[in-house]
Amino acid sequence: MSDGRDDRSESARDGDNRPPGASAGNDRSVGTPGGQSPRTEARDSADGTAPEDGPAAGAGTAQSTASPGRRRTDPAEYTTDRRSLSPRVQLHWGIRTAIASVVLGLIATFALRGFGRDPRFGGVLTAVLVILGTVWVVLQYRVWIYQIQDDAIYLERGVVTHVRTLVPYVRIQHVDTSRSPFERALGLSTLVVYTAGSRGADVSVPGLTPSEASDLQQRIKELAIEAEGDDAL
């Protein structure tokens, strides 16, 4: 019994003999990461700052390394493959060609009659012009190709002279859709693209259905806005 009381007395004396502040210092250092005291953390919290190795520092680093030039939209969503015009455009072109052939044939008939020639040559000329016009319409339809690429509009057309055109989106000012009375009767529409520095329509895509023309107009609009933003960056 006396040994137990002596041990407790020695422990109490050892505690009294420790240097002042030793126990308090040890208690403050326990459970504080990075060697910071609770008072230091409280002061940082009151000032609205976080420790250098805390999560706020990592978030700031992640924000500072974010790339400012990322695309707002994916151009692949608006591009298309190579497309042909609507088959109904052949009827549109064919009727116009036939009307022009008949007018030229009538002019030739009256001219031949005025010179005392056989007016039947005017009818022959009209038939020849209609046949040639029909062949031209079929060939023109076969070679007409358009494509919405990621950086430009691509057009391919021309029977006698084959023409390939690229219109960069950075030059596009605005895009219209137009429908003449004849086109409305056939259910067709034309896409008209105006570019910077031009007095008129630089590019037109005929022989589209109204839904196709509206879809292309929206695609080109989005890609032109995206190209303008990238060019500004």
Protein backbone atom coordinates (compact mmCIF):
# COMPACT_ATOMS: atom_id res chain seq x y z
CA MET A 1 0.00 0.00 0.00
CA SER A 2 2.76 2.45 0.79
CA ASP A 3 4.52 1.66 -2.53
CA GLY A 4 1.48 2.80 -4.55
CA ARG A 5 1.22 6.09 -2.68
CA ASP A 6 4.96 6.69 -3.14
CA ASP A 7 4.70 6.13 -6.92
CA ARG A 8 1.84 8.61 -7.25
CA SER A 9 3.73 11.14 -5.20
CA GLU A 10 6.81 10.79 -7.43
CA SER A 11 4.70 11.23 -10.58
CA ALA A 12 3.16 14.37 -9.16
CA ARG A 13 6.58 15.74 -8.26
CA ASP A 14 7.90 14.95 -11.76
CA GLY A 15 5.00 16.85 -13.28
CA ASP A 16 5.69 19.83 -11.08
CA ASN A 17 9.38 19.75 -12.00
CA ARG A 18 8.75 19.99 -15.85
CA PRO A 19 9.77 23.28 -17.46
CA PRO A 20 7.00 25.84 -17.67
CA GLY A 21 5.01 25.59 -20.93
CA ALA A 22 6.46 22.19 -21.90
CA SER A 23 3.18 20.35 -21.56
CA ALA A 24 1.18 23.10 -23.25
CA GLY A 25 3.56 23.21 -26.18
CA ASN A 26 3.38 19.48 -26.67
CA ASP A 27 -0.40 19.56 -26.53
CA ARG A 28 -0.57 22.30 -29.17
CA SER A 29 1.67 20.39 -31.58
CA VAL A 30 -0.49 17.28 -31.55
CA GLY A 31 -3.06 16.92 -34.33
CA THR A 32 -2.04 20.02 -36.36
CA PRO A 33 -0.80 19.10 -39.86
CA GLY A 34 2.21 20.92 -41.19
CA GLY A 35 3.31 22.03 -37.75
CA GLN A 36 0.71 24.85 -37.59
CA SER A 37 -1.00 25.63 -34.36
CA PRO A 38 -4.78 26.00 -33.99
CA ARG A 39 -4.26 29.72 -33.34
CA THR A 40 -2.46 30.08 -36.69
CA GLU A 41 -5.25 28.22 -38.51
CA ALA A 42 -7.89 30.34 -36.81
CA ARG A 43 -6.04 33.51 -37.81
CA ASP A 44 -5.80 32.32 -41.44
CA SER A 45 -9.51 31.53 -41.46
CA ALA A 46 -10.36 34.96 -40.07
CA ASP A 47 -8.22 36.66 -42.74
CA GLY A 48 -9.96 34.64 -45.50
CA THR A 49 -6.73 32.94 -46.60
CA ALA A 50 -5.83 29.27 -46.71
CA PRO A 51 -2.52 27.60 -45.97
CA GLU A 52 -0.17 27.35 -48.91
CA ASP A 53 -0.42 23.57 -49.06
CA GLY A 54 -4.21 23.52 -48.54
CA PRO A 55 -6.91 22.61 -51.08
CA ALA A 56 -7.53 26.25 -52.02
CA ALA A 57 -4.00 26.57 -53.39
CA GLY A 58 -4.52 23.51 -55.58
CA ALA A 59 -7.82 24.88 -56.89
CA GLY A 60 -6.18 28.18 -57.81
CA THR A 61 -3.44 26.38 -59.68
CA ALA A 62 -5.99 24.34 -61.62
CA GLN A 63 -7.90 27.48 -62.58
CA SER A 64 -4.76 29.29 -63.70
CA THR A 65 -3.73 26.42 -65.97
CA ALA A 66 -7.14 26.15 -67.69
CA SER A 67 -6.85 26.71 -71.42
CA PRO A 68 -8.73 29.84 -72.56
CA GLY A 69 -8.78 28.80 -76.23
CA ARG A 70 -11.02 25.77 -76.05
CA ARG A 71 -13.78 25.60 -78.66
CA ARG A 72 -17.26 26.44 -77.53
CA THR A 73 -18.74 23.90 -79.96
CA ASP A 74 -17.46 20.86 -81.78
CA PRO A 75 -17.25 21.58 -85.55
CA ALA A 76 -17.77 17.88 -86.27
CA GLU A 77 -21.39 18.29 -85.17
CA TYR A 78 -22.07 20.73 -88.04
CA THR A 79 -19.99 19.36 -90.92
CA THR A 80 -21.50 17.20 -93.67
CA ASP A 81 -20.30 14.73 -96.23
CA ARG A 82 -20.35 15.43 -99.99
CA ARG A 83 -23.95 15.97 -101.07
CA SER A 84 -25.80 16.37 -104.34
CA LEU A 85 -28.68 18.71 -105.05
CA SER A 86 -32.32 17.70 -104.95
CA PRO A 87 -33.36 15.77 -108.09
CA ARG A 88 -36.22 18.25 -108.56
CA VAL A 89 -33.71 20.89 -109.56
CA GLN A 90 -33.41 19.12 -112.92
CA LEU A 91 -37.05 19.95 -113.60
CA HIS A 92 -36.39 23.55 -112.59
CA TRP A 93 -33.41 23.87 -114.90
CA GLY A 94 -35.12 21.89 -117.68
CA ILE A 95 -38.17 24.16 -117.77
CA ARG A 96 -36.00 27.28 -117.85
CA THR A 97 -33.87 25.80 -120.63
CA ALA A 98 -36.96 24.81 -122.63
CA ILE A 99 -38.45 28.31 -122.29
CA ALA A 100 -35.19 29.89 -123.44
CA SER A 101 -34.97 27.46 -126.38
CA VAL A 102 -38.53 28.22 -127.51
CA VAL A 103 -37.92 31.98 -127.31
CA LEU A 104 -34.73 31.68 -129.36
CA GLY A 105 -36.54 29.43 -131.85
CA LEU A 106 -39.34 31.96 -132.32
CA ILE A 107 -36.85 34.76 -132.83
CA ALA A 108 -35.03 32.67 -135.43
CA THR A 109 -38.31 31.80 -137.19
CA PHE A 110 -39.36 35.44 -137.55
CA ALA A 111 -35.87 36.40 -138.66
CA LEU A 112 -35.83 33.71 -141.36
CA ARG A 113 -39.28 34.73 -142.56
CA GLY A 114 -38.16 38.33 -142.80
CA PHE A 115 -35.24 37.33 -144.99
CA GLY A 116 -37.45 35.14 -147.18
CA ARG A 117 -36.11 31.89 -145.82
CA ASP A 118 -38.00 28.77 -144.88
CA PRO A 119 -39.32 29.37 -141.33
CA ARG A 120 -39.19 25.65 -140.60
CA PHE A 121 -35.52 26.05 -139.79
CA GLY A 122 -36.67 27.92 -136.72
CA GLY A 123 -38.49 24.82 -135.50
CA VAL A 124 -35.43 22.67 -136.14
CA LEU A 125 -33.29 25.12 -134.20
CA THR A 126 -35.75 25.02 -131.30
CA ALA A 127 -35.65 21.21 -131.16
CA VAL A 128 -31.84 21.18 -131.23
CA LEU A 129 -31.65 23.73 -128.43
CA VAL A 130 -34.10 21.75 -126.28
CA ILE A 131 -32.06 18.55 -126.72
CA LEU A 132 -28.78 20.28 -125.92
CA GLY A 133 -30.36 21.99 -122.93
CA THR A 134 -31.64 18.68 -121.58
CA VAL A 135 -28.19 17.12 -121.85
CA TRP A 136 -26.68 20.14 -120.11
CA VAL A 137 -29.22 19.88 -117.26
CA VAL A 138 -28.42 16.21 -116.62
CA LEU A 139 -24.65 16.78 -116.67
CA GLN A 140 -24.92 19.87 -114.49
CA TYR A 141 -26.90 17.97 -111.89
CA ARG A 142 -24.35 15.15 -111.81
CA VAL A 143 -21.35 17.39 -111.22
CA TRP A 144 -22.96 19.74 -108.66
CA ILE A 145 -21.53 18.86 -105.21
CA TYR A 146 -21.48 20.79 -101.94
CA GLN A 147 -19.95 20.02 -98.55
CA ILE A 148 -19.85 21.77 -95.18
CA GLN A 149 -16.29 21.30 -93.93
CA ASP A 150 -14.89 22.25 -90.52
CA ASP A 151 -13.19 25.41 -91.84
CA ALA A 152 -14.90 26.28 -95.15
CA ILE A 153 -17.78 25.64 -97.55
CA TYR A 154 -16.73 23.48 -100.51
CA LEU A 155 -18.55 23.67 -103.87
CA GLU A 156 -17.91 21.72 -107.06
CA ARG A 157 -19.81 22.47 -110.27
CA GLY A 158 -19.55 23.24 -113.99
CA VAL A 159 -20.01 21.17 -117.15
CA VAL A 160 -17.70 22.83 -119.66
CA THR A 161 -15.55 24.63 -117.08
CA HIS A 162 -15.19 22.64 -113.86
CA VAL A 163 -15.06 24.99 -110.86
CA ARG A 164 -14.10 24.18 -107.28
CA THR A 165 -14.72 26.82 -104.62
CA LEU A 166 -13.71 27.10 -100.95
CA VAL A 167 -15.33 29.82 -98.83
CA PRO A 168 -13.66 30.18 -95.38
CA TYR A 169 -16.05 30.82 -92.52
CA VAL A 170 -14.00 33.78 -91.29
CA ARG A 171 -15.04 35.71 -94.43
CA ILE A 172 -18.77 35.01 -94.18
CA GLN A 173 -20.93 38.01 -93.27
CA HIS A 174 -24.42 36.51 -93.39
CA VAL A 175 -26.39 33.67 -94.98
CA ASP A 176 -29.82 33.94 -96.63
CA THR A 177 -32.35 31.53 -98.08
CA SER A 178 -34.41 32.64 -101.09
CA ARG A 179 -37.36 31.10 -102.95
CA SER A 180 -38.68 32.40 -106.24
CA PRO A 181 -42.31 31.72 -107.19
CA PHE A 182 -41.12 28.98 -109.54
CA GLU A 183 -39.02 27.42 -106.76
CA ARG A 184 -41.94 27.54 -104.34
CA ALA A 185 -44.09 25.72 -106.88
CA LEU A 186 -41.46 22.96 -107.11
CA GLY A 187 -40.71 22.88 -103.37
CA LEU A 188 -37.15 24.16 -103.78
CA SER A 189 -34.99 26.80 -102.12
CA THR A 190 -31.61 28.48 -102.69
CA LEU A 191 -28.94 29.16 -100.07
CA VAL A 192 -27.12 32.47 -100.58
CA VAL A 193 -23.82 33.20 -98.77
CA TYR A 194 -22.43 36.74 -98.58
CA THR A 195 -18.77 37.29 -97.76
CA ALA A 196 -16.70 40.25 -96.60
CA GLY A 197 -15.73 42.75 -99.27
CA SER A 198 -18.23 41.54 -101.87
CA ARG A 199 -20.94 43.59 -103.55
CA GLY A 200 -23.24 40.66 -104.19
CA ALA A 201 -23.74 37.05 -103.32
CA ASP A 202 -20.42 35.26 -103.61
CA VAL A 203 -21.82 31.75 -103.33
CA SER A 204 -25.25 30.26 -103.92
CA VAL A 205 -26.38 26.65 -103.57
CA PRO A 206 -29.55 26.03 -105.62
CA GLY A 207 -31.79 22.99 -105.75
CA LEU A 208 -32.26 22.51 -102.00
CA THR A 209 -35.42 21.61 -100.19
CA PRO A 210 -36.58 24.25 -97.66
CA SER A 211 -35.59 22.00 -94.75
CA GLU A 212 -32.14 21.39 -96.24
CA ALA A 213 -31.61 25.12 -96.83
CA SER A 214 -32.60 25.98 -93.24
CA ASP A 215 -30.36 23.22 -91.87
CA LEU A 216 -27.36 24.41 -93.90
CA GLN A 217 -28.02 28.01 -92.88
CA GLN A 218 -27.89 27.04 -89.19
CA ARG A 219 -24.77 24.92 -89.65
CA ILE A 220 -22.89 27.68 -91.46
CA LYS A 221 -24.01 30.23 -88.87
CA GLU A 222 -22.63 28.18 -85.96
CA LEU A 223 -19.34 27.46 -87.75
CA ALA A 224 -18.93 31.11 -88.77
CA ILE A 225 -19.45 32.25 -85.16
CA GLU A 226 -16.94 29.66 -83.97
CA ALA A 227 -14.39 30.69 -86.61
CA GLU A 228 -14.79 34.35 -85.67
CA GLY A 229 -14.16 33.53 -82.01
CA ASP A 230 -11.05 31.48 -82.81
CA ASP A 231 -9.73 34.23 -85.08
CA ALA A 232 -10.19 36.78 -82.29
CA LEU A 233 -8.22 34.59 -79.90
